[in-house]
């Protein structure tokens, strides 16, 4: 017979797993992330203070103590994550929002966390001076990578566009090498003390190609200046080409990611459950996902109604008389305002962490033109709500569900 302890332990593991999940929207997870960010900033400031020799020794010692304290907390964080990964067995996996609660060890995020704290923890006992181990606190910035959606998208873009990127880098290398050789040949006799070798000429080519131009090496011969101008133009062209490839790829990947996320969320809304793939594809390009923490205001009474909302997950409370109405997954709200043009007639708040899909008024009109059957259903629901008597305004059924 169970004494309850395993259940309690599993509950604690679930709480910790959710709190440490990089995608969790729970209150604990959001607070933990803010504390982690604050500790990184405090630690970096302490690292800077330690190197300022003009400050009082007591101030620098205080900064050193703060830095050690933050390091210890990050070591404990890594230890808890390692223990947590082993605590969640393959048979009782307690999945969090992105399913990675038991897979921190061996993931890229786990490797970055370890890389951010391990070098400093190893070096601290042996080389704790302002120019030593404390400088490794700069690695703590790697902790933010796991929360950076843009960083993940950029890495995907680089991998996907690797062939054109390699082509641009090859062009860059050709312009760089050719500029260095021609610059050396043109200037070595006129400035033997400046263009002493092909290596120094290569440095000149790098600064010229990147349009930096430090001024420490300047061509004086007509041929050298022509080479310098050609290298500058070549640098602008290759860098612009690389930027264009990355920007185009980033925009396409961001659009694809948003589309897939919207598709996944739309498929969870009962209002669209019978819609075909073509309909969902049309709608996915119009709806925008939004995440709201618990007790957040979604709309306020009296505000202009510029969009409507579909509930994917969570719950909202519509503050109307005689008592509030709660709507769950599959329901939608805010349609009356965009149909009538009137201000919001009620304040809506979330009761828990909630995922919504928003459809703004311009996209609603586009949807009405392409998929009139969907907008007709929305209009009928709006007419039903507008026609309700005050005593019936507490209906909590989800309009997206079929009776």
Protein backbone atom coordinates (compact mmCIF):
# COMPACT_ATOMS: atom_id res chain seq x y z
CA UNK A 1 0.00 0.00 0.00
CA UNK A 2 1.40 3.36 -0.97
CA UNK A 3 2.31 5.79 1.79
CA UNK A 4 1.92 8.77 -0.54
CA UNK A 5 5.60 9.64 -0.75
CA UNK A 6 6.15 8.56 -4.36
CA UNK A 7 3.11 10.60 -5.38
CA UNK A 8 4.48 13.63 -3.53
CA UNK A 9 7.88 13.14 -5.10
CA UNK A 10 6.31 12.87 -8.56
CA UNK A 11 4.35 16.04 -7.88
CA UNK A 12 7.53 17.87 -6.90
CA UNK A 13 9.31 16.58 -10.00
CA UNK A 14 6.42 17.80 -12.16
CA UNK A 15 6.53 21.25 -10.54
CA UNK A 16 10.30 21.54 -11.05
CA UNK A 17 10.05 20.23 -14.61
CA UNK A 18 7.44 22.85 -15.49
CA UNK A 19 9.36 25.62 -13.74
CA UNK A 20 12.59 24.81 -15.60
CA UNK A 21 10.91 24.25 -18.97
CA UNK A 22 12.18 26.89 -21.38
CA UNK A 23 8.77 27.18 -23.09
CA UNK A 24 6.46 26.98 -20.10
CA UNK A 25 4.12 29.92 -19.58
CA UNK A 26 3.35 29.04 -15.95
CA UNK A 27 3.79 31.68 -13.27
CA UNK A 28 6.66 29.80 -11.63
CA UNK A 29 8.51 29.39 -14.94
CA UNK A 30 8.15 33.07 -15.82
CA UNK A 31 9.36 34.17 -12.38
CA UNK A 32 12.30 31.76 -12.55
CA UNK A 33 13.34 33.06 -15.97
CA UNK A 34 13.24 36.64 -14.71
CA UNK A 35 15.33 35.74 -11.69
CA UNK A 36 17.82 33.92 -13.93
CA UNK A 37 18.09 36.94 -16.24
CA UNK A 38 18.56 39.27 -13.26
CA UNK A 39 21.33 37.04 -11.88
CA UNK A 40 23.15 37.05 -15.23
CA UNK A 41 23.01 40.85 -15.39
CA UNK A 42 24.11 41.23 -11.76
CA UNK A 43 26.96 38.78 -12.33
CA UNK A 44 28.20 40.60 -15.43
CA UNK A 45 28.10 43.94 -13.62
CA UNK A 46 30.07 42.40 -10.75
CA UNK A 47 32.63 41.08 -13.26
CA UNK A 48 33.05 44.59 -14.66
CA UNK A 49 33.36 46.15 -11.19
CA UNK A 50 36.12 43.70 -10.26
CA UNK A 51 38.29 45.01 -13.11
CA UNK A 52 37.96 48.70 -12.17
CA UNK A 53 41.17 49.31 -10.22
CA UNK A 54 40.17 52.85 -9.23
CA UNK A 55 37.36 51.56 -7.00
CA UNK A 56 37.84 50.86 -3.30
CA UNK A 57 39.08 47.40 -2.42
CA UNK A 58 35.98 46.73 -0.31
CA UNK A 59 33.76 47.44 -3.32
CA UNK A 60 35.74 45.06 -5.49
CA UNK A 61 35.64 42.41 -2.78
CA UNK A 62 31.86 42.80 -2.56
CA UNK A 63 31.62 42.37 -6.33
CA UNK A 64 33.79 39.26 -6.04
CA UNK A 65 31.47 37.81 -3.39
CA UNK A 66 28.41 38.56 -5.50
CA UNK A 67 30.02 36.88 -8.50
CA UNK A 68 30.83 33.77 -6.46
CA UNK A 69 27.26 33.67 -5.15
CA UNK A 70 25.76 33.84 -8.63
CA UNK A 71 28.17 31.16 -9.85
CA UNK A 72 27.12 28.85 -7.01
CA UNK A 73 23.44 29.37 -7.86
CA UNK A 74 24.05 28.48 -11.50
CA UNK A 75 25.99 25.37 -10.48
CA UNK A 76 23.03 24.36 -8.29
CA UNK A 77 20.70 25.01 -11.23
CA UNK A 78 22.72 22.64 -13.42
CA UNK A 79 22.81 20.02 -10.65
CA UNK A 80 19.03 20.19 -10.19
CA UNK A 81 18.49 19.81 -13.93
CA UNK A 82 20.78 16.76 -14.04
CA UNK A 83 19.00 15.14 -11.08
CA UNK A 84 15.62 16.02 -12.57
CA UNK A 85 16.54 14.43 -15.90
CA UNK A 86 17.32 11.16 -14.16
CA UNK A 87 14.32 11.38 -11.82
CA UNK A 88 11.92 11.26 -14.74
CA UNK A 89 12.14 7.68 -15.89
CA UNK A 90 11.23 6.41 -19.33
CA UNK A 91 8.15 4.72 -17.83
CA UNK A 92 6.72 7.76 -16.06
CA UNK A 93 7.83 10.64 -18.29
CA UNK A 94 6.26 13.85 -17.02
CA UNK A 95 6.21 15.87 -20.18
CA UNK A 96 6.10 19.62 -20.05
CA UNK A 97 4.90 21.96 -22.75
CA UNK A 98 7.55 21.01 -25.27
CA UNK A 99 8.20 17.50 -23.96
CA UNK A 100 11.80 18.07 -22.91
CA UNK A 101 11.49 17.89 -19.12
CA UNK A 102 13.39 14.63 -18.86
CA UNK A 103 15.81 15.24 -21.71
CA UNK A 104 17.97 18.12 -20.50
CA UNK A 105 21.08 15.94 -20.33
CA UNK A 106 22.31 15.36 -23.85
CA UNK A 107 20.42 18.26 -25.44
CA UNK A 108 21.93 21.36 -27.02
CA UNK A 109 20.35 23.47 -24.28
CA UNK A 110 21.91 21.30 -21.59
CA UNK A 111 25.32 21.54 -23.27
CA UNK A 112 25.05 25.34 -23.42
CA UNK A 113 24.06 25.51 -19.75
CA UNK A 114 27.03 23.38 -18.75
CA UNK A 115 29.36 25.36 -21.01
CA UNK A 116 28.17 28.60 -19.44
CA UNK A 117 28.99 27.60 -15.87
CA UNK A 118 31.51 24.73 -15.87
CA UNK A 119 34.67 26.58 -17.06
CA UNK A 120 34.31 29.25 -14.39
CA UNK A 121 33.50 26.71 -11.68
CA UNK A 122 36.65 24.73 -12.56
CA UNK A 123 38.95 27.75 -12.84
CA UNK A 124 37.63 29.63 -9.79
CA UNK A 125 39.62 27.75 -7.10
CA UNK A 126 42.90 28.18 -8.97
CA UNK A 127 42.80 31.56 -10.70
CA UNK A 128 40.42 33.96 -8.95
CA UNK A 129 41.85 37.32 -9.98
CA UNK A 130 40.16 40.19 -11.86
CA UNK A 131 41.86 39.05 -15.09
CA UNK A 132 41.27 35.36 -14.43
CA UNK A 133 38.29 33.11 -13.74
CA UNK A 134 35.77 35.96 -13.17
CA UNK A 135 36.04 36.91 -16.84
CA UNK A 136 34.47 33.55 -17.70
CA UNK A 137 31.20 34.96 -16.34
CA UNK A 138 30.76 36.39 -19.84
CA UNK A 139 29.82 32.82 -20.85
CA UNK A 140 26.64 33.20 -18.80
CA UNK A 141 25.11 35.01 -21.76
CA UNK A 142 24.83 31.56 -23.36
CA UNK A 143 22.00 30.87 -20.92
CA UNK A 144 19.79 33.21 -22.93
CA UNK A 145 20.23 31.18 -26.12
CA UNK A 146 17.70 28.58 -25.01
CA UNK A 147 15.02 31.28 -24.83
CA UNK A 148 16.00 32.90 -28.12
CA UNK A 149 13.57 31.88 -30.82
CA UNK A 150 15.43 34.05 -33.31
CA UNK A 151 18.68 32.22 -32.61
CA UNK A 152 17.07 28.86 -33.35
CA UNK A 153 15.56 30.19 -36.56
CA UNK A 154 18.89 31.68 -37.63
CA UNK A 155 20.70 28.38 -37.09
CA UNK A 156 18.06 26.64 -39.21
CA UNK A 157 18.46 29.25 -41.95
CA UNK A 158 22.24 28.88 -41.99
CA UNK A 159 21.92 25.11 -42.27
CA UNK A 160 19.29 25.33 -44.99
CA UNK A 161 21.06 28.03 -47.01
CA UNK A 162 24.54 26.61 -46.50
CA UNK A 163 25.27 26.18 -50.22
CA UNK A 164 24.65 29.82 -51.27
CA UNK A 165 26.34 31.00 -48.07
CA UNK A 166 29.41 28.91 -48.87
CA UNK A 167 29.36 30.36 -52.38
CA UNK A 168 29.38 33.90 -51.00
CA UNK A 169 32.17 33.03 -48.55
CA UNK A 170 34.19 31.60 -51.44
CA UNK A 171 33.69 34.84 -53.37
CA UNK A 172 34.71 36.77 -50.24
CA UNK A 173 37.90 34.70 -49.96
CA UNK A 174 38.72 35.23 -53.63
CA UNK A 175 38.30 39.01 -53.39
CA UNK A 176 40.25 39.06 -50.13
CA UNK A 177 43.18 37.03 -51.44
CA UNK A 178 43.27 38.77 -54.80
CA UNK A 179 43.16 42.20 -53.16
CA UNK A 180 45.95 41.28 -50.76
CA UNK A 181 48.22 40.00 -53.55
CA UNK A 182 47.59 42.96 -55.86
CA UNK A 183 47.94 45.44 -53.01
CA UNK A 184 51.25 43.89 -51.99
CA UNK A 185 52.60 44.01 -55.55
CA UNK A 186 51.46 47.62 -56.03
CA UNK A 187 52.73 49.02 -52.72
CA UNK A 188 55.72 46.92 -51.61
CA UNK A 189 58.26 49.16 -53.38
CA UNK A 190 56.56 52.46 -52.55
CA UNK A 191 55.98 51.56 -48.86
CA UNK A 192 58.38 48.76 -47.90
CA UNK A 193 58.00 49.60 -44.20
CA UNK A 194 54.19 49.31 -44.36
CA UNK A 195 53.49 46.51 -46.85
CA UNK A 196 56.28 44.36 -45.47
CA UNK A 197 54.81 41.00 -46.47
CA UNK A 198 51.78 39.33 -47.92
CA UNK A 199 50.56 38.83 -44.35
CA UNK A 200 50.48 42.58 -43.63
CA UNK A 201 48.85 43.14 -47.01
CA UNK A 202 46.21 40.60 -46.07
CA UNK A 203 45.40 42.68 -42.97
CA UNK A 204 44.98 45.73 -45.21
CA UNK A 205 42.70 43.74 -47.52
CA UNK A 206 40.52 42.62 -44.60
CA UNK A 207 40.02 46.14 -43.25
CA UNK A 208 39.37 47.46 -46.75
CA UNK A 209 37.03 44.64 -47.78
CA UNK A 210 34.90 45.17 -44.68
CA UNK A 211 34.97 48.96 -45.37
CA UNK A 212 36.47 49.53 -41.91
CA UNK A 213 39.73 51.18 -42.98
CA UNK A 214 41.70 51.86 -39.80
CA UNK A 215 44.11 54.15 -41.67
CA UNK A 216 47.23 52.35 -40.51
CA UNK A 217 47.89 51.13 -44.07
CA UNK A 218 46.94 53.41 -46.98
CA UNK A 219 47.88 52.86 -50.65
CA UNK A 220 49.83 55.75 -52.19
CA UNK A 221 50.38 54.52 -55.74
CA UNK A 222 47.69 54.93 -58.43
CA UNK A 223 47.53 51.17 -58.96
CA UNK A 224 47.29 50.56 -55.22
CA UNK A 225 44.41 53.01 -54.90
CA UNK A 226 42.60 51.38 -57.81
CA UNK A 227 43.02 48.01 -56.11
CA UNK A 228 41.75 49.51 -52.85
CA UNK A 229 38.65 50.91 -54.56
CA UNK A 230 37.93 47.58 -56.25
CA UNK A 231 38.31 45.74 -52.94
CA UNK A 232 35.89 48.18 -51.23
CA UNK A 233 33.27 47.71 -53.95
CA UNK A 234 33.78 43.95 -53.86
CA UNK A 235 33.39 43.99 -50.08
CA UNK A 236 30.13 45.92 -50.24
CA UNK A 237 28.81 43.52 -52.86
CA UNK A 238 29.70 40.29 -51.06
CA UNK A 239 28.52 41.50 -47.65
CA UNK A 240 25.24 42.75 -49.14
CA UNK A 241 24.77 39.44 -50.92
CA UNK A 242 25.34 37.51 -47.70
CA UNK A 243 22.97 39.80 -45.79
CA UNK A 244 20.32 39.35 -48.48
CA UNK A 245 20.56 35.55 -48.35
CA UNK A 246 20.27 35.51 -44.56
CA UNK A 247 17.46 38.08 -44.46
CA UNK A 248 15.42 36.29 -47.11
CA UNK A 249 15.97 32.91 -45.48
CA UNK A 250 15.16 34.29 -42.03
CA UNK A 251 11.90 35.83 -43.24
CA UNK A 252 10.89 32.63 -45.04
CA UNK A 253 11.73 30.43 -42.05
CA UNK A 254 9.91 32.75 -39.66
CA UNK A 255 6.85 32.65 -41.90
CA UNK A 256 7.05 28.86 -42.14
CA UNK A 257 7.42 28.49 -38.38
CA UNK A 258 4.46 30.78 -37.73
CA UNK A 259 2.39 28.90 -40.31
CA UNK A 260 3.15 25.50 -38.76
CA UNK A 261 2.45 26.80 -35.27
CA UNK A 262 -0.83 28.35 -36.42
CA UNK A 263 -1.78 25.12 -38.24
CA UNK A 264 -1.11 23.08 -35.11
CA UNK A 265 -3.13 25.46 -32.95
CA UNK A 266 -6.01 25.73 -35.44
CA UNK A 267 -6.32 21.94 -35.55
CA UNK A 268 -7.03 22.03 -31.80
CA UNK A 269 -9.95 24.47 -32.16
CA UNK A 270 -13.24 22.57 -32.50
CA UNK A 271 -14.68 25.34 -34.69
CA UNK A 272 -12.29 24.23 -37.45
CA UNK A 273 -12.36 20.49 -36.77
CA UNK A 274 -14.36 19.68 -39.91
CA UNK A 275 -12.50 22.14 -42.10
CA UNK A 276 -10.40 20.67 -44.86
CA UNK A 277 -6.68 21.13 -45.33
CA UNK A 278 -7.24 23.91 -47.87
CA UNK A 279 -9.44 25.85 -45.45
CA UNK A 280 -6.99 25.45 -42.58
CA UNK A 281 -4.15 26.56 -44.86
CA UNK A 282 -6.08 29.72 -45.75
CA UNK A 283 -6.98 30.43 -42.14
CA UNK A 284 -3.48 29.66 -40.83
CA UNK A 285 -2.03 32.49 -42.88
CA UNK A 286 -4.49 34.93 -41.28
CA UNK A 287 -4.55 33.94 -37.62
CA UNK A 288 -1.82 35.08 -35.23
CA UNK A 289 -1.02 33.01 -32.12
CA UNK A 290 -0.74 34.81 -28.78
CA UNK A 291 0.07 33.48 -25.32
CA UNK A 292 -1.38 35.06 -22.20
CA UNK A 293 -0.39 34.35 -18.58
CA UNK A 294 -3.09 33.72 -15.99
CA UNK A 295 -5.18 36.72 -14.86
CA UNK A 296 -4.17 38.82 -17.88
CA UNK A 297 -6.55 41.28 -19.51
CA UNK A 298 -7.21 40.32 -23.13
CA UNK A 299 -9.70 43.07 -23.97
CA UNK A 300 -11.24 45.93 -22.01
CA UNK A 301 -14.80 47.19 -22.18
CA UNK A 302 -15.00 50.32 -24.34
CA UNK A 303 -11.88 49.60 -26.39
CA UNK A 304 -12.14 49.61 -30.21
CA UNK A 305 -12.86 46.16 -31.54
CA UNK A 306 -10.14 45.52 -34.09
CA UNK A 307 -9.87 41.72 -33.80
CA UNK A 308 -11.56 38.57 -32.55
CA UNK A 309 -10.10 35.61 -30.67
CA UNK A 310 -10.25 31.82 -30.85
CA UNK A 311 -9.33 29.86 -27.71
CA UNK A 312 -6.84 27.06 -28.35
CA UNK A 313 -5.99 26.16 -24.79
CA UNK A 314 -6.79 27.58 -21.38
CA UNK A 315 -9.81 29.57 -20.29
CA UNK A 316 -11.10 33.14 -20.37
CA UNK A 317 -13.70 34.90 -18.26
CA UNK A 318 -16.05 37.45 -19.82
CA UNK A 319 -17.04 40.01 -17.20
CA UNK A 320 -20.73 40.60 -17.91
CA UNK A 321 -23.85 40.91 -15.79
CA UNK A 322 -25.49 39.26 -13.96
CA UNK A 323 -22.47 36.98 -13.61
CA UNK A 324 -19.28 36.34 -15.59
CA UNK A 325 -19.16 33.78 -18.38
CA UNK A 326 -16.26 31.38 -18.83
CA UNK A 327 -15.20 30.03 -22.21
CA UNK A 328 -12.76 27.21 -22.85
CA UNK A 329 -10.93 25.62 -25.78
CA UNK A 330 -12.85 25.77 -29.05
CA UNK A 331 -14.78 28.92 -28.21
CA UNK A 332 -14.34 32.33 -29.76
CA UNK A 333 -15.14 35.85 -28.64
CA UNK A 334 -14.78 39.44 -29.78
CA UNK A 335 -16.70 38.83 -33.00
CA UNK A 336 -19.51 41.27 -32.16
CA UNK A 337 -17.16 44.26 -32.15
CA UNK A 338 -15.65 43.56 -35.58
CA UNK A 339 -19.07 42.81 -37.10
CA UNK A 340 -20.88 45.85 -35.72
CA UNK A 341 -17.97 48.28 -35.47
CA UNK A 342 -19.01 49.06 -31.90
CA UNK A 343 -16.53 49.22 -28.98
CA UNK A 344 -15.95 46.16 -26.83
CA UNK A 345 -19.01 45.47 -24.69
CA UNK A 346 -17.17 43.46 -22.03
CA UNK A 347 -13.79 43.02 -20.39
CA UNK A 348 -12.19 39.61 -20.95
CA UNK A 349 -9.48 38.15 -18.71
CA UNK A 350 -7.68 34.82 -18.63
CA UNK A 351 -8.21 32.51 -15.67
CA UNK A 352 -5.14 30.39 -16.44
CA UNK A 353 -2.30 30.27 -18.94
CA UNK A 354 -4.12 30.61 -22.26
CA UNK A 355 -3.26 30.26 -25.94
CA UNK A 356 -5.33 32.35 -28.33
CA UNK A 357 -5.50 32.87 -32.06
CA UNK A 358 -6.30 36.42 -33.14
CA UNK A 359 -8.06 37.44 -36.35
CA UNK A 360 -7.92 41.17 -37.03
CA UNK A 361 -10.66 43.05 -38.83
CA UNK A 362 -8.81 43.31 -42.16
CA UNK A 363 -8.09 39.58 -42.20
CA UNK A 364 -11.69 38.88 -41.17
CA UNK A 365 -12.88 40.66 -44.30
CA UNK A 366 -10.37 38.68 -46.38
CA UNK A 367 -11.68 35.47 -44.79
CA UNK A 368 -15.26 36.54 -45.53
CA UNK A 369 -14.34 36.82 -49.20
CA UNK A 370 -12.45 33.50 -49.45
CA UNK A 371 -14.35 31.36 -46.93
CA UNK A 372 -17.86 32.79 -46.51
CA UNK A 373 -19.12 29.60 -44.83
CA UNK A 374 -16.83 30.21 -41.85
CA UNK A 375 -17.72 33.86 -41.45
CA UNK A 376 -21.43 32.97 -41.75
CA UNK A 377 -21.07 30.74 -38.70
CA UNK A 378 -19.33 33.55 -36.83
CA UNK A 379 -22.11 35.98 -37.81
CA UNK A 380 -24.81 33.56 -36.65
CA UNK A 381 -23.11 33.20 -33.27
CA UNK A 382 -22.83 36.98 -32.96
CA UNK A 383 -26.53 37.37 -33.80
CA UNK A 384 -27.39 34.71 -31.22
CA UNK A 385 -25.41 36.50 -28.54
CA UNK A 386 -26.85 39.90 -29.45
CA UNK A 387 -30.36 38.46 -29.37
CA UNK A 388 -30.00 36.86 -25.95
CA UNK A 389 -32.08 38.18 -23.11
CA UNK A 390 -30.17 39.48 -20.05
CA UNK A 391 -31.13 36.37 -18.11
CA UNK A 392 -29.56 34.20 -20.78
CA UNK A 393 -26.26 36.01 -21.07
CA UNK A 394 -24.58 33.51 -18.79
CA UNK A 395 -24.58 30.74 -21.37
CA UNK A 396 -21.16 29.10 -21.10
CA UNK A 397 -21.36 26.77 -24.06
CA UNK A 398 -18.51 26.80 -26.51
CA UNK A 399 -19.82 28.07 -29.84
CA UNK A 400 -17.21 26.09 -31.68
CA UNK A 401 -18.61 22.80 -30.39
CA UNK A 402 -21.39 20.96 -32.13
CA UNK A 403 -24.51 20.07 -30.20
